[in-house]
């Protein structure tokens, strides 16, 4: 945990970050909160856990940026030479570079359902079709739970 300490001397502010470890009680409370979050909304919890940058993300940004710049050069050259096809090719290269830079690399990770204890149990099966309630039915269920105070 990082704590920002502000020292105010002679009317000025000086910021200093200090690493402060959590106590055992705070660690236990944090773990309980994480388990409760996983139990309450596993999708949200998984999305927040996956929000960290992946190791290949920087490389994807560099390759995407280079292709965007190269596409811009080809586009400008095509326009200056009155070559429409070359200009379109440059635009497509820029568009592809942007899509590559902002997309994430798809990786197959563990598939399952997070239980209340924070563990993961395997899901029912990928090949079998499951009947899920529709969007409106889920909204109605949420509304009913909220109205009933559950």
Protein backbone atom coordinates (compact mmCIF):
# COMPACT_ATOMS: atom_id res chain seq x y z
CA UNK A 1 0.00 0.00 0.00
CA UNK A 2 1.37 3.42 -0.92
CA UNK A 3 0.80 6.40 1.31
CA UNK A 4 1.54 9.90 0.11
CA UNK A 5 3.04 12.04 2.85
CA UNK A 6 2.90 15.81 2.38
CA UNK A 7 5.47 17.84 4.24
CA UNK A 8 4.70 21.51 4.48
CA UNK A 9 7.73 23.58 5.25
CA UNK A 10 8.08 27.32 4.63
CA UNK A 11 4.76 27.53 2.78
CA UNK A 12 5.65 24.93 0.14
CA UNK A 13 4.39 21.40 -0.35
CA UNK A 14 6.71 18.46 -0.83
CA UNK A 15 5.21 15.07 -1.73
CA UNK A 16 6.82 11.82 -0.76
CA UNK A 17 5.47 8.33 -1.37
CA UNK A 18 6.09 5.74 1.33
CA UNK A 19 5.38 2.00 1.14
CA UNK A 20 3.38 0.86 4.19
CA UNK A 21 2.62 -2.86 4.62
CA UNK A 22 -0.88 -3.95 5.59
CA UNK A 23 -1.47 -5.42 9.02
CA UNK A 24 -2.72 -9.00 9.31
CA UNK A 25 -6.22 -7.77 10.11
CA UNK A 26 -6.23 -5.48 7.07
CA UNK A 27 -4.96 -8.30 4.85
CA UNK A 28 -7.69 -10.60 6.12
CA UNK A 29 -10.36 -7.93 5.52
CA UNK A 30 -9.03 -7.32 2.01
CA UNK A 31 -9.16 -11.04 1.21
CA UNK A 32 -12.73 -11.24 2.53
CA UNK A 33 -13.73 -8.26 0.37
CA UNK A 34 -12.13 -9.88 -2.70
CA UNK A 35 -13.97 -13.15 -2.08
CA UNK A 36 -17.26 -11.26 -1.61
CA UNK A 37 -16.67 -9.40 -4.87
CA UNK A 38 -15.99 -12.66 -6.72
CA UNK A 39 -19.11 -14.24 -5.21
CA UNK A 40 -21.31 -11.24 -5.99
CA UNK A 41 -20.13 -10.40 -9.50
CA UNK A 42 -17.60 -12.83 -10.99
CA UNK A 43 -17.65 -11.16 -14.42
CA UNK A 44 -16.73 -7.76 -13.00
CA UNK A 45 -14.07 -9.25 -10.77
CA UNK A 46 -12.51 -11.12 -13.70
CA UNK A 47 -12.58 -7.98 -15.82
CA UNK A 48 -10.82 -5.99 -13.11
CA UNK A 49 -8.20 -8.67 -12.61
CA UNK A 50 -7.54 -8.80 -16.36
CA UNK A 51 -7.11 -5.05 -16.58
CA UNK A 52 -3.37 -5.31 -15.94
CA UNK A 53 -1.07 -4.82 -18.90
CA UNK A 54 0.07 -7.99 -20.50
CA UNK A 55 3.74 -8.57 -21.36
CA UNK A 56 3.20 -8.30 -25.14
CA UNK A 57 1.10 -5.12 -24.96
CA UNK A 58 4.06 -2.76 -25.40
CA UNK A 59 5.26 -4.63 -28.45
CA UNK A 60 1.77 -4.51 -29.97
CA UNK A 61 1.64 -0.75 -29.40
CA UNK A 62 5.02 -0.23 -31.06
CA UNK A 63 4.15 -2.37 -34.09
CA UNK A 64 0.75 -0.67 -34.37
CA UNK A 65 2.33 2.78 -34.07
CA UNK A 66 4.92 2.02 -36.74
CA UNK A 67 2.23 0.78 -39.11
CA UNK A 68 0.14 3.90 -38.44
CA UNK A 69 3.09 6.17 -39.28
CA UNK A 70 3.95 4.07 -42.34
CA UNK A 71 0.32 4.21 -43.46
CA UNK A 72 0.30 7.99 -43.04
CA UNK A 73 3.44 8.28 -45.16
CA UNK A 74 1.91 6.07 -47.87
CA UNK A 75 -1.33 8.08 -47.71
CA UNK A 76 0.42 11.43 -48.08
CA UNK A 77 2.64 10.08 -50.87
CA UNK A 78 -0.40 8.68 -52.69
CA UNK A 79 -2.25 11.99 -52.43
CA UNK A 80 0.78 14.00 -53.57
CA UNK A 81 1.25 11.72 -56.60
CA UNK A 82 -2.53 11.71 -57.31
CA UNK A 83 -2.64 7.94 -56.89
CA UNK A 84 -5.98 7.17 -55.28
CA UNK A 85 -5.24 3.48 -54.87
CA UNK A 86 -2.01 4.25 -52.99
CA UNK A 87 -3.87 6.71 -50.73
CA UNK A 88 -6.52 4.11 -49.95
CA UNK A 89 -3.80 1.53 -49.24
CA UNK A 90 -2.16 3.97 -46.78
CA UNK A 91 -5.49 4.56 -45.05
CA UNK A 92 -6.13 0.82 -44.75
CA UNK A 93 -2.62 0.36 -43.33
CA UNK A 94 -3.31 3.08 -40.73
CA UNK A 95 -6.64 1.50 -39.85
CA UNK A 96 -5.09 -1.95 -39.48
CA UNK A 97 -2.26 -0.58 -37.33
CA UNK A 98 -4.74 1.12 -35.03
CA UNK A 99 -6.84 -2.03 -34.70
CA UNK A 100 -3.73 -4.11 -33.97
CA UNK A 101 -2.42 -1.64 -31.38
CA UNK A 102 -5.63 -1.42 -29.37
CA UNK A 103 -6.65 -5.07 -29.59
CA UNK A 104 -5.51 -7.54 -26.98
CA UNK A 105 -3.89 -10.87 -27.66
CA UNK A 106 -6.44 -13.59 -27.08
CA UNK A 107 -5.25 -16.23 -24.67
CA UNK A 108 -7.13 -19.21 -23.40
CA UNK A 109 -7.04 -19.15 -19.64
CA UNK A 110 -8.69 -21.27 -17.01
CA UNK A 111 -12.40 -21.51 -17.61
CA UNK A 112 -14.71 -21.95 -14.68
CA UNK A 113 -16.96 -20.40 -12.11
CA UNK A 114 -15.68 -18.60 -9.03
CA UNK A 115 -17.30 -19.90 -5.86
CA UNK A 116 -17.90 -18.03 -2.60
CA UNK A 117 -14.60 -19.22 -1.11
CA UNK A 118 -12.67 -17.61 -3.96
CA UNK A 119 -11.76 -20.89 -5.67
CA UNK A 120 -12.53 -21.80 -9.26
CA UNK A 121 -14.54 -24.86 -10.21
CA UNK A 122 -14.72 -26.04 -13.82
CA UNK A 123 -17.77 -24.92 -15.75
CA UNK A 124 -20.43 -27.36 -16.94
CA UNK A 125 -18.91 -27.85 -20.37
CA UNK A 126 -18.27 -25.88 -23.48
CA UNK A 127 -19.88 -28.15 -26.02
CA UNK A 128 -23.24 -28.38 -24.31
CA UNK A 129 -25.75 -25.60 -24.94
CA UNK A 130 -27.00 -23.98 -21.77
CA UNK A 131 -30.32 -22.23 -21.49
CA UNK A 132 -29.66 -18.72 -20.22
CA UNK A 133 -32.39 -16.29 -19.40
CA UNK A 134 -32.77 -13.47 -21.87
CA UNK A 135 -31.70 -9.90 -21.28
CA UNK A 136 -35.16 -8.65 -20.35
CA UNK A 137 -35.75 -11.57 -17.99
CA UNK A 138 -32.49 -10.84 -16.17
CA UNK A 139 -33.45 -7.17 -15.87
CA UNK A 140 -36.85 -8.12 -14.46
CA UNK A 141 -35.21 -10.43 -11.92
CA UNK A 142 -32.84 -7.68 -10.83
CA UNK A 143 -35.74 -5.25 -10.51
CA UNK A 144 -37.71 -7.73 -8.41
CA UNK A 145 -34.71 -8.36 -6.12
CA UNK A 146 -34.13 -4.64 -5.70
CA UNK A 147 -37.79 -3.96 -4.99
CA UNK A 148 -38.03 -6.81 -2.49
CA UNK A 149 -34.85 -5.64 -0.70
CA UNK A 150 -32.82 -8.80 -1.35
